[in-house]
C-alpha atoms as a PDB file:
ATOM      1  CA  MET A   1       0.000   0.000   0.000  1.00  0.00           C
ATOM      2  CA  ASN A   2       2.918   2.381   0.583  1.00  0.00           C
ATOM      3  CA  GLU A   3       3.528   2.572  -3.160  1.00  0.00           C
ATOM      4  CA  LEU A   4      -0.091   3.574  -3.754  1.00  0.00           C
ATOM      5  CA  TYR A   5       0.098   6.241  -1.060  1.00  0.00           C
ATOM      6  CA  TRP A   6       3.352   7.494  -2.583  1.00  0.00           C
ATOM      7  CA  VAL A   7       1.656   7.992  -5.965  1.00  0.00           C
ATOM      8  CA  LEU A   8      -1.272   9.720  -4.244  1.00  0.00           C
ATOM      9  CA  LEU A   9       1.102  12.039  -2.389  1.00  0.00           C
ATOM     10  CA  LEU A  10       2.934  12.783  -5.655  1.00  0.00           C
ATOM     11  CA  LEU A  11      -0.299  13.772  -7.400  1.00  0.00           C
ATOM     12  CA  LEU A  12      -1.411  15.910  -4.450  1.00  0.00           C
ATOM     13  CA  ASN A  13       1.889  17.794  -4.444  1.00  0.00           C
ATOM     14  CA  PHE A  14       1.844  18.347  -8.208  1.00  0.00           C
ATOM     15  CA  ALA A  15      -1.758  19.565  -8.091  1.00  0.00           C
ATOM     16  CA  ALA A  16      -1.051  21.874  -5.143  1.00  0.00           C
ATOM     17  CA  ILE A  17       1.971  23.585  -6.677  1.00  0.00           C
ATOM     18  CA  LEU A  18       0.199  24.152 -10.003  1.00  0.00           C
ATOM     19  CA  LEU A  19      -2.881  25.482  -8.197  1.00  0.00           C
ATOM     20  CA  ALA A  20      -0.731  27.844  -6.124  1.00  0.00           C
ATOM     21  CA  TYR A  21       0.917  29.146  -9.290  1.00  0.00           C
ATOM     22  CA  ARG A  22      -2.355  29.458 -11.176  1.00  0.00           C
ATOM     23  CA  ILE A  23      -4.125  31.374  -8.388  1.00  0.00           C
ATOM     24  CA  PHE A  24      -1.322  33.496  -6.927  1.00  0.00           C
ATOM     25  CA  GLY A  25       1.310  33.636  -9.683  1.00  0.00           C
ATOM     26  CA  LYS A  26       4.929  33.722  -8.584  1.00  0.00           C
ATOM     27  CA  THR A  27       3.733  34.683  -5.078  1.00  0.00           C
ATOM     28  CA  GLY A  28       2.177  31.223  -4.928  1.00  0.00           C
ATOM     29  CA  LEU A  29       5.599  29.698  -5.544  1.00  0.00           C
ATOM     30  CA  TYR A  30       7.084  31.922  -2.829  1.00  0.00           C
ATOM     31  CA  ILE A  31       4.384  30.512  -0.525  1.00  0.00           C
ATOM     32  CA  TRP A  32       4.962  26.956  -1.691  1.00  0.00           C
ATOM     33  CA  THR A  33       8.710  26.989  -1.057  1.00  0.00           C
ATOM     34  CA  PRO A  34       8.573  27.292   2.759  1.00  0.00           C
ATOM     35  CA  ILE A  35       5.668  24.841   2.838  1.00  0.00           C
ATOM     36  CA  ALA A  36       7.788  22.306   0.959  1.00  0.00           C
ATOM     37  CA  VAL A  37      10.904  22.863   3.069  1.00  0.00           C
ATOM     38  CA  ILE A  38       9.117  22.714   6.454  1.00  0.00           C
ATOM     39  CA  VAL A  39       6.872  19.758   5.611  1.00  0.00           C
ATOM     40  CA  ALA A  40       9.804  17.840   4.142  1.00  0.00           C
ATOM     41  CA  ASN A  41      11.841  18.303   7.310  1.00  0.00           C
ATOM     42  CA  ILE A  42       9.013  16.809   9.370  1.00  0.00           C
ATOM     43  CA  GLN A  43       8.136  13.992   6.971  1.00  0.00           C
ATOM     44  CA  VAL A  44      11.787  12.938   6.610  1.00  0.00           C
ATOM     45  CA  LEU A  45      11.719  11.687  10.212  1.00  0.00           C
ATOM     46  CA  LYS A  46       9.405   8.854   9.130  1.00  0.00           C
ATOM     47  CA  THR A  47      11.198   5.812   7.707  1.00  0.00           C
ATOM     48  CA  ILE A  48       9.208   3.465   5.475  1.00  0.00           C
ATOM     49  CA  GLU A  49       9.626   0.569   3.088  1.00  0.00           C
ATOM     50  CA  LEU A  50       8.949   1.639  -0.479  1.00  0.00           C
ATOM     51  CA  PHE A  51       9.355  -0.492  -3.592  1.00  0.00           C
ATOM     52  CA  GLY A  52      11.127  -3.076  -1.438  1.00  0.00           C
ATOM     53  CA  VAL A  53      13.793  -0.739   0.008  1.00  0.00           C
ATOM     54  CA  VAL A  54      14.188   1.497   3.065  1.00  0.00           C
ATOM     55  CA  ALA A  55      13.332   5.136   2.377  1.00  0.00           C
ATOM     56  CA  THR A  56      12.284   8.280   4.201  1.00  0.00           C
ATOM     57  CA  LEU A  57       9.269  10.426   3.498  1.00  0.00           C
ATOM     58  CA  GLY A  58       9.629  14.042   2.462  1.00  0.00           C
ATOM     59  CA  ASN A  59      11.301  13.321  -0.868  1.00  0.00           C
ATOM     60  CA  ILE A  60       8.296  14.311  -2.955  1.00  0.00           C
ATOM     61  CA  VAL A  61       7.435  17.616  -1.303  1.00  0.00           C
ATOM     62  CA  TYR A  62      11.100  18.597  -1.038  1.00  0.00           C
ATOM     63  CA  ALA A  63      11.679  17.822  -4.718  1.00  0.00           C
ATOM     64  CA  THR A  64       8.831  20.182  -5.622  1.00  0.00           C
ATOM     65  CA  SER A  65      10.861  23.070  -4.172  1.00  0.00           C
ATOM     66  CA  PHE A  66      13.216  22.526  -7.127  1.00  0.00           C
ATOM     67  CA  LEU A  67      10.229  22.541  -9.458  1.00  0.00           C
ATOM     68  CA  ALA A  68       9.175  25.886  -7.944  1.00  0.00           C
ATOM     69  CA  THR A  69      12.575  27.486  -8.564  1.00  0.00           C
ATOM     70  CA  ASP A  70      12.717  26.008 -12.077  1.00  0.00           C
ATOM     71  CA  ILE A  71       9.317  27.527 -12.902  1.00  0.00           C
ATOM     72  CA  LEU A  72      10.486  30.847 -11.512  1.00  0.00           C
ATOM     73  CA  SER A  73      13.737  30.606 -13.479  1.00  0.00           C
ATOM     74  CA  GLU A  74      11.903  29.742 -16.687  1.00  0.00           C
ATOM     75  CA  ASN A  75       9.062  32.252 -16.490  1.00  0.00           C
ATOM     76  CA  HIS A  76      10.249  35.078 -14.263  1.00  0.00           C
ATOM     77  CA  GLY A  77      14.035  35.116 -14.036  1.00  0.00           C
ATOM     78  CA  LYS A  78      17.038  34.228 -11.915  1.00  0.00           C
ATOM     79  CA  LYS A  79      16.442  36.859  -9.212  1.00  0.00           C
ATOM     80  CA  ASP A  80      12.927  35.588  -8.518  1.00  0.00           C
ATOM     81  CA  ALA A  81      14.212  32.022  -8.191  1.00  0.00           C
ATOM     82  CA  GLN A  82      16.930  33.179  -5.781  1.00  0.00           C
ATOM     83  CA  LYS A  83      14.295  35.039  -3.753  1.00  0.00           C
ATOM     84  CA  ALA A  84      12.335  31.800  -3.324  1.00  0.00           C
ATOM     85  CA  VAL A  85      15.482  30.052  -2.065  1.00  0.00           C
ATOM     86  CA  ALA A  86      16.066  32.857   0.456  1.00  0.00           C
ATOM     87  CA  ILE A  87      12.463  32.590   1.677  1.00  0.00           C
ATOM     88  CA  GLY A  88      12.802  28.836   2.149  1.00  0.00           C
ATOM     89  CA  PHE A  89      16.107  29.263   3.979  1.00  0.00           C
ATOM     90  CA  PHE A  90      14.652  31.872   6.349  1.00  0.00           C
ATOM     91  CA  SER A  91      11.499  29.839   7.041  1.00  0.00           C
ATOM     92  CA  LEU A  92      13.492  26.767   8.065  1.00  0.00           C
ATOM     93  CA  ILE A  93      15.658  28.771  10.470  1.00  0.00           C
ATOM     94  CA  ALA A  94      12.560  30.401  11.977  1.00  0.00           C
ATOM     95  CA  MET A  95      10.699  27.107  12.422  1.00  0.00           C
ATOM     96  CA  THR A  96      13.682  25.455  14.098  1.00  0.00           C
ATOM     97  CA  ALA A  97      14.186  28.352  16.516  1.00  0.00           C
ATOM     98  CA  PHE A  98      10.493  28.591  17.409  1.00  0.00           C
ATOM     99  CA  MET A  99      10.128  24.860  18.092  1.00  0.00           C
ATOM    100  CA  GLN A 100      13.313  24.625  20.178  1.00  0.00           C
ATOM    101  CA  VAL A 101      12.062  27.424  22.429  1.00  0.00           C
ATOM    102  CA  ALA A 102       8.603  25.809  22.569  1.00  0.00           C
ATOM    103  CA  LEU A 103      10.163  22.599  23.905  1.00  0.00           C
ATOM    104  CA  LEU A 104      11.723  24.546  26.810  1.00  0.00           C
ATOM    105  CA  PHE A 105       8.286  25.232  28.322  1.00  0.00           C
ATOM    106  CA  THR A 106       7.292  22.917  31.179  1.00  0.00           C
ATOM    107  CA  PRO A 107       4.093  21.125  30.103  1.00  0.00           C
ATOM    108  CA  HIS A 108       0.991  21.185  32.295  1.00  0.00           C
ATOM    109  CA  SER A 109      -0.168  17.927  33.856  1.00  0.00           C
ATOM    110  CA  SER A 110      -3.056  17.885  31.368  1.00  0.00           C
ATOM    111  CA  ASP A 111      -0.713  18.186  28.385  1.00  0.00           C
ATOM    112  CA  PHE A 112      -0.738  15.289  25.946  1.00  0.00           C
ATOM    113  CA  ALA A 113       1.404  16.666  23.096  1.00  0.00           C
ATOM    114  CA  HIS A 114       4.764  17.569  24.636  1.00  0.00           C
ATOM    115  CA  GLU A 115       6.269  14.089  24.457  1.00  0.00           C
ATOM    116  CA  SER A 116       5.303  13.694  20.802  1.00  0.00           C
ATOM    117  CA  LEU A 117       6.554  17.186  19.956  1.00  0.00           C
ATOM    118  CA  SER A 118       9.802  16.448  21.751  1.00  0.00           C
ATOM    119  CA  THR A 119      10.237  13.235  19.779  1.00  0.00           C
ATOM    120  CA  LEU A 120       9.708  15.103  16.515  1.00  0.00           C
ATOM    121  CA  PHE A 121      11.550  18.328  17.128  1.00  0.00           C
ATOM    122  CA  SER A 122      14.349  17.450  19.552  1.00  0.00           C
ATOM    123  CA  ILE A 123      16.224  15.985  16.579  1.00  0.00           C
ATOM    124  CA  MET A 124      15.271  18.983  14.450  1.00  0.00           C
ATOM    125  CA  PRO A 125      18.495  21.013  14.929  1.00  0.00           C
ATOM    126  CA  ARG A 126      20.516  18.234  13.261  1.00  0.00           C
ATOM    127  CA  ILE A 127      17.889  17.770  10.548  1.00  0.00           C
ATOM    128  CA  ALA A 128      17.630  21.534  10.097  1.00  0.00           C
ATOM    129  CA  LEU A 129      21.405  21.948   9.831  1.00  0.00           C
ATOM    130  CA  ALA A 130      21.536  19.170   7.250  1.00  0.00           C
ATOM    131  CA  SER A 131      18.651  20.681   5.344  1.00  0.00           C
ATOM    132  CA  LEU A 132      19.989  24.241   5.476  1.00  0.00           C
ATOM    133  CA  VAL A 133      23.408  23.297   4.137  1.00  0.00           C
ATOM    134  CA  ALA A 134      22.051  20.887   1.515  1.00  0.00           C
ATOM    135  CA  TYR A 135      19.204  23.195   0.506  1.00  0.00           C
ATOM    136  CA  LEU A 136      21.343  26.286   0.021  1.00  0.00           C
ATOM    137  CA  ILE A 137      24.099  24.547  -1.942  1.00  0.00           C
ATOM    138  CA  SER A 138      21.829  22.430  -4.127  1.00  0.00           C
ATOM    139  CA  GLN A 139      19.265  25.150  -4.852  1.00  0.00           C
ATOM    140  CA  LEU A 140      21.857  27.754  -5.793  1.00  0.00           C
ATOM    141  CA  HIS A 141      23.509  25.167  -8.037  1.00  0.00           C
ATOM    142  CA  ASP A 142      20.125  24.339  -9.569  1.00  0.00           C
ATOM    143  CA  ILE A 143      19.414  27.986 -10.443  1.00  0.00           C
ATOM    144  CA  LYS A 144      22.890  28.514 -11.871  1.00  0.00           C
ATOM    145  CA  ALA A 145      22.761  25.270 -13.873  1.00  0.00           C
ATOM    146  CA  TYR A 146      19.237  25.965 -15.142  1.00  0.00           C
ATOM    147  CA  HIS A 147      20.265  29.310 -16.570  1.00  0.00           C
ATOM    148  CA  PHE A 148      23.446  27.797 -18.005  1.00  0.00           C
ATOM    149  CA  TRP A 149      21.411  25.235 -19.959  1.00  0.00           C
ATOM    150  CA  LYS A 150      18.799  27.840 -20.852  1.00  0.00           C
ATOM    151  CA  THR A 151      21.562  29.947 -22.423  1.00  0.00           C
ATOM    152  CA  LYS A 152      22.786  26.936 -24.396  1.00  0.00           C
ATOM    153  CA  PHE A 153      19.303  25.733 -25.412  1.00  0.00           C
ATOM    154  CA  PRO A 154      16.923  28.715 -25.126  1.00  0.00           C
ATOM    155  CA  ASP A 155      13.987  27.327 -27.128  1.00  0.00           C
ATOM    156  CA  THR A 156      10.875  26.004 -25.412  1.00  0.00           C
ATOM    157  CA  LYS A 157      11.235  22.455 -26.725  1.00  0.00           C
ATOM    158  CA  HIS A 158      14.402  22.045 -24.626  1.00  0.00           C
ATOM    159  CA  ILE A 159      12.722  22.840 -21.296  1.00  0.00           C
ATOM    160  CA  TRP A 160      12.974  19.134 -20.466  1.00  0.00           C
ATOM    161  CA  LEU A 161      16.757  19.284 -20.908  1.00  0.00           C
ATOM    162  CA  ARG A 162      17.446  22.279 -18.698  1.00  0.00           C
ATOM    163  CA  ASN A 163      14.943  21.062 -16.102  1.00  0.00           C
ATOM    164  CA  ASN A 164      16.442  17.589 -15.759  1.00  0.00           C
ATOM    165  CA  ALA A 165      20.099  18.461 -16.387  1.00  0.00           C
ATOM    166  CA  SER A 166      20.021  21.041 -13.597  1.00  0.00           C
ATOM    167  CA  THR A 167      17.735  19.341 -11.105  1.00  0.00           C
ATOM    168  CA  MET A 168      19.146  15.823 -11.202  1.00  0.00           C
ATOM    169  CA  VAL A 169      22.690  16.989 -10.447  1.00  0.00           C
ATOM    170  CA  SER A 170      21.384  19.353  -7.770  1.00  0.00           C
ATOM    171  CA  GLN A 171      19.373  16.545  -6.211  1.00  0.00           C
ATOM    172  CA  LEU A 172      22.508  14.396  -6.023  1.00  0.00           C
ATOM    173  CA  LEU A 173      24.322  17.176  -4.171  1.00  0.00           C
ATOM    174  CA  ASP A 174      21.355  17.624  -1.876  1.00  0.00           C
ATOM    175  CA  SER A 175      20.953  13.918  -1.103  1.00  0.00           C
ATOM    176  CA  VAL A 176      24.629  13.314  -0.302  1.00  0.00           C
ATOM    177  CA  ILE A 177      24.991  16.424   1.878  1.00  0.00           C
ATOM    178  CA  PHE A 178      21.662  16.020   3.689  1.00  0.00           C
ATOM    179  CA  SER A 179      21.891  12.276   4.355  1.00  0.00           C
ATOM    180  CA  THR A 180      25.481  12.520   5.606  1.00  0.00           C
ATOM    181  CA  ILE A 181      24.806  15.335   8.077  1.00  0.00           C
ATOM    182  CA  ALA A 182      21.363  14.124   9.167  1.00  0.00           C
ATOM    183  CA  PHE A 183      21.703  10.353   9.350  1.00  0.00           C
ATOM    184  CA  TYR A 184      25.358   9.275   9.388  1.00  0.00           C
ATOM    185  CA  GLY A 185      25.972   7.408  12.626  1.00  0.00           C
ATOM    186  CA  LEU A 186      22.258   7.107  13.470  1.00  0.00           C
ATOM    187  CA  PHE A 187      21.759   4.002  11.330  1.00  0.00           C
ATOM    188  CA  PRO A 188      23.912   0.965  10.507  1.00  0.00           C
ATOM    189  CA  MET A 189      26.047   1.674   7.429  1.00  0.00           C
ATOM    190  CA  ASN A 190      24.006  -0.577   5.137  1.00  0.00           C
ATOM    191  CA  VAL A 191      20.776   1.193   6.150  1.00  0.00           C
ATOM    192  CA  PHE A 192      22.430   4.617   5.822  1.00  0.00           C
ATOM    193  CA  LEU A 193      23.629   3.834   2.287  1.00  0.00           C
ATOM    194  CA  GLU A 194      20.214   2.464   1.360  1.00  0.00           C
ATOM    195  CA  ILE A 195      18.539   5.656   2.606  1.00  0.00           C
ATOM    196  CA  LEU A 196      21.074   7.794   0.716  1.00  0.00           C
ATOM    197  CA  ILE A 197      20.593   5.911  -2.545  1.00  0.00           C
ATOM    198  CA  THR A 198      16.805   5.671  -2.324  1.00  0.00           C
ATOM    199  CA  THR A 199      16.551   9.342  -1.320  1.00  0.00           C
ATOM    200  CA  TYR A 200      18.330  10.358  -4.501  1.00  0.00           C
ATOM    201  CA  LEU A 201      16.517   7.897  -6.743  1.00  0.00           C
ATOM    202  CA  LEU A 202      13.106   8.993  -5.474  1.00  0.00           C
ATOM    203  CA  LYS A 203      13.988  12.669  -5.943  1.00  0.00           C
ATOM    204  CA  TRP A 204      15.339  11.814  -9.401  1.00  0.00           C
ATOM    205  CA  LEU A 205      12.039  10.104 -10.228  1.00  0.00           C
ATOM    206  CA  VAL A 206      10.026  13.109  -9.056  1.00  0.00           C
ATOM    207  CA  ALA A 207      12.265  15.405 -11.115  1.00  0.00           C
ATOM    208  CA  ALA A 208      11.631  13.307 -14.218  1.00  0.00           C
ATOM    209  CA  LEU A 209       7.881  13.140 -13.600  1.00  0.00           C
ATOM    210  CA  ASP A 210       7.495  16.867 -12.950  1.00  0.00           C
ATOM    211  CA  THR A 211       8.823  17.861 -16.405  1.00  0.00           C
ATOM    212  CA  PRO A 212       5.326  18.053 -17.973  1.00  0.00           C
ATOM    213  CA  LEU A 213       4.323  20.443 -15.183  1.00  0.00           C
ATOM    214  CA  LEU A 214       7.086  22.837 -16.202  1.00  0.00           C
ATOM    215  CA  TYR A 215       5.776  22.825 -19.779  1.00  0.00           C
ATOM    216  CA  LEU A 216       2.262  23.414 -18.453  1.00  0.00           C
ATOM    217  CA  ALA A 217       3.439  26.277 -16.242  1.00  0.00           C
ATOM    218  CA  LYS A 218       5.239  27.782 -19.247  1.00  0.00           C
ATOM    219  CA  SER A 219       2.093  27.489 -21.345  1.00  0.00           C
ATOM    220  CA  MET A 220      -0.110  29.081 -18.673  1.00  0.00           C
ATOM    221  CA  HIS A 221       2.341  31.958 -18.299  1.00  0.00           C
ATOM    222  CA  SER A 222       2.630  32.485 -22.065  1.00  0.00           C
ATOM    223  CA  ARG A 223      -1.160  32.572 -22.434  1.00  0.00           C
ATOM    224  CA  GLY A 224      -1.521  35.177 -19.695  1.00  0.00           C
ATOM    225  CA  LYS A 225      -3.216  32.801 -17.278  1.00  0.00           C
ATOM    226  CA  ILE A 226      -0.864  33.583 -14.393  1.00  0.00           C
ATOM    227  CA  PRO A 227      -1.544  36.644 -12.164  1.00  0.00           C
ATOM    228  CA  VAL A 228       1.118  39.326 -12.257  1.00  0.00           C
END
């Protein structure tokens, strides 16, 4: 059933990011970026078996943050894509700080959530550090690479090339940096390597599957269907 839920989650994420772009324009992508980064950093704490291998959640929603910056790069420009990265970076720092302070409060005897929140967010500084470093490096590489390939192949029919050539390398950087900082030493080496490999492969798969959405976003923008 996990595979079915994974497909469902993929479709929900794709529909949500397109809807955000269609309704709010590039502001919708600025909104989506912190959603993706924060949700991914919570979902990644859940380990599952998917397609017969060990994997973590969060790969889909995190991968859509690259789709958001690629849409911004394609339709609005490099500065707008960089702004989305900065928003995501700030939101992750803010969430981590807020939740660490929240855990310092002594819970009332009637409280039922503190233990669960502590389980989720006590590990968050390590996850957040991993995500911040990986996110900043990989996203800035993605924007730079996207515009490099766009300069080489500027026509619309090559959107698939600049989307995948930039994102798949960026996702590799992200997966190696994030998994090493976040999980090295927490799992046996064979499990760690399996998580690293599956994390990249799942992000790679999402990157390949989201290519039609980039064409659709380009078409909507060209036809004046996106709010200014």
